[in-house]
Amino acid sequence: MIPRFYDVSEGQILVDGIDIRDVSRHDLRDKIGYVPQKGILFSGTVESNLYYADKNAEEETLKAAIDIAQAAEFINTKPEGYKTEISQGGTNVSGGQKQRLSIARALVKKAPIYIFDDSFSALDFKTDAALRQALKAETGNSTLLIVAQRISTIMQAEQIIVLDEGRVAGIGKHKELMENCEVYKEIALSQLSKEELGA
């Protein structure tokens, strides 16, 4: 609903106090860096996939995005580096590499709003943690919306919205939800120990 693939059926969504229905879809989407659940890559090179977000991006912007997305290590092991060929759909890279490149592409946009739609699910816990830490440091002036099923991905969020069968089951910070939201607590305890959850 935020990028207006669908319009709200009731209520409204405001960005900087403006109803998003009062802005053209092009202008709205220009302000959003979106990473879908299944990372999408285009045939070409690593570099051309990144330039897809902003054809005028500077090389330092590409490098920073790659570093934040934790993709530098695997790109630097390729003899061609940024010129490494990517096949249509990214079939020649792993699921985690595809997701990291999709995240890097969104970051090249330097958008005021980022939507990560379960985009960290193919990443191991260590990469997920490193990526989130780098994101926090580098996107401090942007709004980050992270859809996740993994509690560790969203534990540090300023606000967590818990959905259960399409309905809001709780809203708050991790600690509040552990105390007041049975759905959240049940999911959290099924994934992490009490010590890891700070419970």
C-alpha atoms as a PDB file:
ATOM      1  CA  MET A   1       0.000   0.000   0.000  1.00  0.00           C
ATOM      2  CA  ILE A   2       2.855   2.423   0.682  1.00  0.00           C
ATOM      3  CA  PRO A   3       4.208   2.356  -2.915  1.00  0.00           C
ATOM      4  CA  ARG A   4       0.539   2.285  -4.064  1.00  0.00           C
ATOM      5  CA  PHE A   5       0.425  -1.059  -5.769  1.00  0.00           C
ATOM      6  CA  TYR A   6      -2.911  -1.071  -3.925  1.00  0.00           C
ATOM      7  CA  ASP A   7      -4.768   1.900  -2.471  1.00  0.00           C
ATOM      8  CA  VAL A   8      -6.045   1.890   1.097  1.00  0.00           C
ATOM      9  CA  SER A   9      -9.711   0.898   1.439  1.00  0.00           C
ATOM     10  CA  GLU A  10     -10.149   3.040   4.552  1.00  0.00           C
ATOM     11  CA  GLY A  11      -8.089   5.610   6.423  1.00  0.00           C
ATOM     12  CA  GLN A  12      -5.017   7.146   4.794  1.00  0.00           C
ATOM     13  CA  ILE A  13      -1.241   6.867   4.541  1.00  0.00           C
ATOM     14  CA  LEU A  14       0.675  10.105   5.067  1.00  0.00           C
ATOM     15  CA  VAL A  15       4.271  10.843   4.118  1.00  0.00           C
ATOM     16  CA  ASP A  16       5.479  14.115   5.648  1.00  0.00           C
ATOM     17  CA  GLY A  17       1.842  14.973   6.354  1.00  0.00           C
ATOM     18  CA  ILE A  18       0.717  14.487   2.722  1.00  0.00           C
ATOM     19  CA  ASP A  19      -1.785  11.815   1.689  1.00  0.00           C
ATOM     20  CA  ILE A  20       0.085   9.588  -0.765  1.00  0.00           C
ATOM     21  CA  ARG A  21      -3.003   9.560  -3.037  1.00  0.00           C
ATOM     22  CA  ASP A  22      -2.366  13.281  -3.634  1.00  0.00           C
ATOM     23  CA  VAL A  23       1.083  12.560  -5.107  1.00  0.00           C
ATOM     24  CA  SER A  24       1.778  10.956  -8.483  1.00  0.00           C
ATOM     25  CA  ARG A  25       2.819   7.299  -8.291  1.00  0.00           C
ATOM     26  CA  HIS A  26       6.076   8.210 -10.039  1.00  0.00           C
ATOM     27  CA  ASP A  27       6.969  10.920  -7.479  1.00  0.00           C
ATOM     28  CA  LEU A  28       5.981   8.669  -4.570  1.00  0.00           C
ATOM     29  CA  ARG A  29       7.985   5.668  -5.800  1.00  0.00           C
ATOM     30  CA  ASP A  30      10.947   7.920  -6.495  1.00  0.00           C
ATOM     31  CA  LYS A  31      11.185   8.435  -2.713  1.00  0.00           C
ATOM     32  CA  ILE A  32      11.126   4.702  -1.910  1.00  0.00           C
ATOM     33  CA  GLY A  33      13.902   2.117  -1.971  1.00  0.00           C
ATOM     34  CA  TYR A  34      12.018  -1.178  -2.161  1.00  0.00           C
ATOM     35  CA  VAL A  35      13.462  -4.669  -1.719  1.00  0.00           C
ATOM     36  CA  PRO A  36      10.964  -7.482  -2.322  1.00  0.00           C
ATOM     37  CA  GLN A  37      11.046 -10.800  -0.503  1.00  0.00           C
ATOM     38  CA  LYS A  38      12.594 -12.526  -3.499  1.00  0.00           C
ATOM     39  CA  GLY A  39      15.507 -10.422  -4.724  1.00  0.00           C
ATOM     40  CA  ILE A  40      15.257  -9.607  -8.430  1.00  0.00           C
ATOM     41  CA  LEU A  41      18.344  -9.140 -10.583  1.00  0.00           C
ATOM     42  CA  PHE A  42      18.599  -8.268 -14.259  1.00  0.00           C
ATOM     43  CA  SER A  43      20.932  -9.678 -16.884  1.00  0.00           C
ATOM     44  CA  GLY A  44      24.043  -7.535 -17.148  1.00  0.00           C
ATOM     45  CA  THR A  45      26.736  -6.957 -14.549  1.00  0.00           C
ATOM     46  CA  VAL A  46      26.811  -6.311 -10.800  1.00  0.00           C
ATOM     47  CA  GLU A  47      27.477  -2.666 -11.673  1.00  0.00           C
ATOM     48  CA  SER A  48      24.598  -2.321 -14.168  1.00  0.00           C
ATOM     49  CA  ASN A  49      22.213  -3.830 -11.610  1.00  0.00           C
ATOM     50  CA  LEU A  50      23.260  -1.185  -9.082  1.00  0.00           C
ATOM     51  CA  TYR A  51      22.994   1.668 -11.617  1.00  0.00           C
ATOM     52  CA  TYR A  52      19.402   0.585 -12.253  1.00  0.00           C
ATOM     53  CA  ALA A  53      18.493   2.458  -9.020  1.00  0.00           C
ATOM     54  CA  ASP A  54      20.282   5.664 -10.092  1.00  0.00           C
ATOM     55  CA  LYS A  55      22.078   5.815 -13.431  1.00  0.00           C
ATOM     56  CA  ASN A  56      23.986   8.913 -12.267  1.00  0.00           C
ATOM     57  CA  ALA A  57      25.228   7.433  -8.971  1.00  0.00           C
ATOM     58  CA  GLU A  58      28.893   8.023  -8.175  1.00  0.00           C
ATOM     59  CA  GLU A  59      31.286   5.119  -7.744  1.00  0.00           C
ATOM     60  CA  GLU A  60      31.631   5.876  -4.009  1.00  0.00           C
ATOM     61  CA  THR A  61      27.839   5.506  -3.657  1.00  0.00           C
ATOM     62  CA  LEU A  62      27.976   2.055  -5.271  1.00  0.00           C
ATOM     63  CA  LYS A  63      30.864   1.009  -3.028  1.00  0.00           C
ATOM     64  CA  ALA A  64      29.098   2.261   0.124  1.00  0.00           C
ATOM     65  CA  ALA A  65      25.882   0.429  -0.823  1.00  0.00           C
ATOM     66  CA  ILE A  66      27.821  -2.796  -1.471  1.00  0.00           C
ATOM     67  CA  ASP A  67      29.616  -2.455   1.885  1.00  0.00           C
ATOM     68  CA  ILE A  68      26.392  -1.807   3.839  1.00  0.00           C
ATOM     69  CA  ALA A  69      24.647  -4.742   2.129  1.00  0.00           C
ATOM     70  CA  GLN A  70      27.532  -7.044   3.161  1.00  0.00           C
ATOM     71  CA  ALA A  71      28.135  -7.906  -0.519  1.00  0.00           C
ATOM     72  CA  ALA A  72      31.740  -6.680  -0.853  1.00  0.00           C
ATOM     73  CA  GLU A  73      33.312  -9.953   0.236  1.00  0.00           C
ATOM     74  CA  PHE A  74      31.742 -12.115  -2.462  1.00  0.00           C
ATOM     75  CA  ILE A  75      32.076  -9.446  -5.189  1.00  0.00           C
ATOM     76  CA  ASN A  76      35.769  -8.957  -4.412  1.00  0.00           C
ATOM     77  CA  THR A  77      36.415 -12.695  -4.747  1.00  0.00           C
ATOM     78  CA  LYS A  78      35.231 -12.557  -8.376  1.00  0.00           C
ATOM     79  CA  PRO A  79      38.023 -11.811 -10.886  1.00  0.00           C
ATOM     80  CA  GLU A  80      35.811  -9.253 -12.673  1.00  0.00           C
ATOM     81  CA  GLY A  81      34.557  -7.619  -9.446  1.00  0.00           C
ATOM     82  CA  TYR A  82      31.810  -5.095 -10.272  1.00  0.00           C
ATOM     83  CA  LYS A  83      31.964  -6.188 -13.932  1.00  0.00           C
ATOM     84  CA  THR A  84      30.940  -9.749 -12.981  1.00  0.00           C
ATOM     85  CA  GLU A  85      28.160 -10.958 -15.287  1.00  0.00           C
ATOM     86  CA  ILE A  86      24.743 -11.563 -13.737  1.00  0.00           C
ATOM     87  CA  SER A  87      22.389 -13.864 -15.629  1.00  0.00           C
ATOM     88  CA  GLN A  88      18.691 -13.009 -16.010  1.00  0.00           C
ATOM     89  CA  GLY A  89      17.009 -13.404 -12.637  1.00  0.00           C
ATOM     90  CA  GLY A  90      20.396 -13.820 -10.930  1.00  0.00           C
ATOM     91  CA  THR A  91      20.447 -17.592 -11.464  1.00  0.00           C
ATOM     92  CA  ASN A  92      24.257 -17.623 -11.248  1.00  0.00           C
ATOM     93  CA  VAL A  93      24.387 -16.263  -7.664  1.00  0.00           C
ATOM     94  CA  SER A  94      23.087 -17.757  -4.399  1.00  0.00           C
ATOM     95  CA  GLY A  95      19.850 -16.647  -2.746  1.00  0.00           C
ATOM     96  CA  GLY A  96      21.728 -14.695  -0.070  1.00  0.00           C
ATOM     97  CA  GLN A  97      23.962 -13.000  -2.665  1.00  0.00           C
ATOM     98  CA  LYS A  98      20.902 -12.079  -4.717  1.00  0.00           C
ATOM     99  CA  GLN A  99      19.247 -10.528  -1.672  1.00  0.00           C
ATOM    100  CA  ARG A 100      22.378  -8.578  -0.751  1.00  0.00           C
ATOM    101  CA  LEU A 101      22.693  -7.192  -4.289  1.00  0.00           C
ATOM    102  CA  SER A 102      18.987  -6.245  -4.277  1.00  0.00           C
ATOM    103  CA  ILE A 103      19.499  -4.439  -0.950  1.00  0.00           C
ATOM    104  CA  ALA A 104      22.607  -2.680  -2.304  1.00  0.00           C
ATOM    105  CA  ARG A 105      20.648  -1.528  -5.370  1.00  0.00           C
ATOM    106  CA  ALA A 106      17.931  -0.015  -3.162  1.00  0.00           C
ATOM    107  CA  LEU A 107      20.586   1.769  -1.066  1.00  0.00           C
ATOM    108  CA  VAL A 108      22.161   3.344  -4.176  1.00  0.00           C
ATOM    109  CA  LYS A 109      18.906   5.286  -4.484  1.00  0.00           C
ATOM    110  CA  LYS A 110      19.569   7.144  -1.191  1.00  0.00           C
ATOM    111  CA  ALA A 111      15.817   7.217  -0.587  1.00  0.00           C
ATOM    112  CA  PRO A 112      14.030   8.841   2.350  1.00  0.00           C
ATOM    113  CA  ILE A 113      11.951   5.638   2.762  1.00  0.00           C
ATOM    114  CA  TYR A 114      13.135   2.029   2.535  1.00  0.00           C
ATOM    115  CA  ILE A 115      10.852  -0.996   2.525  1.00  0.00           C
ATOM    116  CA  PHE A 116      12.539  -4.339   3.183  1.00  0.00           C
ATOM    117  CA  ASP A 117       9.896  -7.001   2.571  1.00  0.00           C
ATOM    118  CA  ASP A 118      11.321 -10.015   4.418  1.00  0.00           C
ATOM    119  CA  SER A 119      14.529  -9.265   2.508  1.00  0.00           C
ATOM    120  CA  PHE A 120      16.895 -10.646   5.162  1.00  0.00           C
ATOM    121  CA  SER A 121      15.378 -14.153   5.274  1.00  0.00           C
ATOM    122  CA  ALA A 122      18.045 -15.786   3.038  1.00  0.00           C
ATOM    123  CA  LEU A 123      20.879 -14.276   5.086  1.00  0.00           C
ATOM    124  CA  ASP A 124      22.621 -16.110   7.896  1.00  0.00           C
ATOM    125  CA  PHE A 125      22.288 -14.577  11.372  1.00  0.00           C
ATOM    126  CA  LYS A 126      25.791 -13.055  11.349  1.00  0.00           C
ATOM    127  CA  THR A 127      25.275 -11.323   7.976  1.00  0.00           C
ATOM    128  CA  ASP A 128      21.777 -10.209   8.996  1.00  0.00           C
ATOM    129  CA  ALA A 129      23.158  -8.606  12.192  1.00  0.00           C
ATOM    130  CA  ALA A 130      26.088  -6.916  10.394  1.00  0.00           C
ATOM    131  CA  LEU A 131      23.776  -5.588   7.671  1.00  0.00           C
ATOM    132  CA  ARG A 132      21.266  -4.172  10.159  1.00  0.00           C
ATOM    133  CA  GLN A 133      24.047  -2.473  12.140  1.00  0.00           C
ATOM    134  CA  ALA A 134      25.477  -0.893   8.968  1.00  0.00           C
ATOM    135  CA  LEU A 135      21.976   0.137   7.833  1.00  0.00           C
ATOM    136  CA  LYS A 136      21.301   1.872  11.132  1.00  0.00           C
ATOM    137  CA  ALA A 137      24.571   3.808  10.916  1.00  0.00           C
ATOM    138  CA  GLU A 138      24.143   4.858   7.279  1.00  0.00           C
ATOM    139  CA  THR A 139      20.394   5.458   6.904  1.00  0.00           C
ATOM    140  CA  GLY A 140      19.722   7.423  10.085  1.00  0.00           C
ATOM    141  CA  ASN A 141      17.751  10.130   8.265  1.00  0.00           C
ATOM    142  CA  SER A 142      15.537   7.650   6.404  1.00  0.00           C
ATOM    143  CA  THR A 143      12.466   5.720   7.494  1.00  0.00           C
ATOM    144  CA  LEU A 144      13.063   1.947   7.426  1.00  0.00           C
ATOM    145  CA  LEU A 145      10.105  -0.424   7.255  1.00  0.00           C
ATOM    146  CA  ILE A 146      11.207  -4.014   7.765  1.00  0.00           C
ATOM    147  CA  VAL A 147       8.838  -6.930   7.282  1.00  0.00           C
ATOM    148  CA  ALA A 148      10.293  -9.980   9.023  1.00  0.00           C
ATOM    149  CA  GLN A 149       9.426 -13.340  10.487  1.00  0.00           C
ATOM    150  CA  ARG A 150      12.748 -13.580  12.329  1.00  0.00           C
ATOM    151  CA  ILE A 151      12.504 -11.872  15.732  1.00  0.00           C
ATOM    152  CA  SER A 152      16.240 -11.081  15.860  1.00  0.00           C
ATOM    153  CA  THR A 153      15.826  -8.934  12.725  1.00  0.00           C
ATOM    154  CA  ILE A 154      13.328  -6.556  14.340  1.00  0.00           C
ATOM    155  CA  MET A 155      14.132  -6.687  18.087  1.00  0.00           C
ATOM    156  CA  GLN A 156      15.856  -3.277  18.046  1.00  0.00           C
ATOM    157  CA  ALA A 157      13.148  -1.509  16.006  1.00  0.00           C
ATOM    158  CA  GLU A 158      11.665   1.743  17.342  1.00  0.00           C
ATOM    159  CA  GLN A 159       8.201   0.296  16.785  1.00  0.00           C
ATOM    160  CA  ILE A 160       7.077  -3.248  16.051  1.00  0.00           C
ATOM    161  CA  ILE A 161       3.642  -4.069  14.655  1.00  0.00           C
ATOM    162  CA  VAL A 162       2.650  -7.699  15.244  1.00  0.00           C
ATOM    163  CA  LEU A 163       0.244  -9.193  12.722  1.00  0.00           C
ATOM    164  CA  ASP A 164      -1.743 -12.353  13.380  1.00  0.00           C
ATOM    165  CA  GLU A 165      -3.927 -13.650  10.541  1.00  0.00           C
ATOM    166  CA  GLY A 166      -4.114 -10.196   8.946  1.00  0.00           C
ATOM    167  CA  ARG A 167      -5.002  -8.347  12.141  1.00  0.00           C
ATOM    168  CA  VAL A 168      -2.860  -6.173  14.397  1.00  0.00           C
ATOM    169  CA  ALA A 169      -2.135  -8.193  17.536  1.00  0.00           C
ATOM    170  CA  GLY A 170       0.224  -5.704  19.170  1.00  0.00           C
ATOM    171  CA  ILE A 171       2.220  -2.502  18.715  1.00  0.00           C
ATOM    172  CA  GLY A 172       5.255  -1.444  20.729  1.00  0.00           C
ATOM    173  CA  LYS A 173       8.908  -2.041  21.420  1.00  0.00           C
ATOM    174  CA  HIS A 174      10.348  -5.520  21.916  1.00  0.00           C
ATOM    175  CA  LYS A 175      10.299  -5.378  25.732  1.00  0.00           C
ATOM    176  CA  GLU A 176       6.707  -4.093  25.861  1.00  0.00           C
ATOM    177  CA  LEU A 177       5.523  -6.777  23.447  1.00  0.00           C
ATOM    178  CA  MET A 178       7.273  -9.519  25.440  1.00  0.00           C
ATOM    179  CA  GLU A 179       5.205  -8.389  28.433  1.00  0.00           C
ATOM    180  CA  ASN A 180       1.893  -7.514  26.764  1.00  0.00           C
ATOM    181  CA  CYS A 181       1.506  -9.477  23.511  1.00  0.00           C
ATOM    182  CA  GLU A 182       1.067 -13.251  23.729  1.00  0.00           C
ATOM    183  CA  VAL A 183       1.418 -13.743  19.947  1.00  0.00           C
ATOM    184  CA  TYR A 184       4.770 -11.924  19.879  1.00  0.00           C
ATOM    185  CA  LYS A 185       6.042 -13.662  23.011  1.00  0.00           C
ATOM    186  CA  GLU A 186       5.111 -17.088  21.607  1.00  0.00           C
ATOM    187  CA  ILE A 187       6.928 -16.405  18.302  1.00  0.00           C
ATOM    188  CA  ALA A 188       9.952 -14.949  20.104  1.00  0.00           C
ATOM    189  CA  LEU A 189      10.328 -17.889  22.506  1.00  0.00           C
ATOM    190  CA  SER A 190      10.031 -20.359  19.625  1.00  0.00           C
ATOM    191  CA  GLN A 191      13.042 -18.728  17.935  1.00  0.00           C
ATOM    192  CA  LEU A 192      15.385 -17.515  20.686  1.00  0.00           C
ATOM    193  CA  SER A 193      16.258 -18.305  24.291  1.00  0.00           C
ATOM    194  CA  LYS A 194      15.062 -16.123  27.178  1.00  0.00           C
ATOM    195  CA  GLU A 195      18.639 -14.846  27.572  1.00  0.00           C
ATOM    196  CA  GLU A 196      18.835 -13.843  23.893  1.00  0.00           C
ATOM    197  CA  LEU A 197      15.473 -12.121  24.185  1.00  0.00           C
ATOM    198  CA  GLY A 198      16.473 -10.244  27.342  1.00  0.00           C
ATOM    199  CA  ALA A 199      13.486 -11.804  29.086  1.00  0.00           C
END
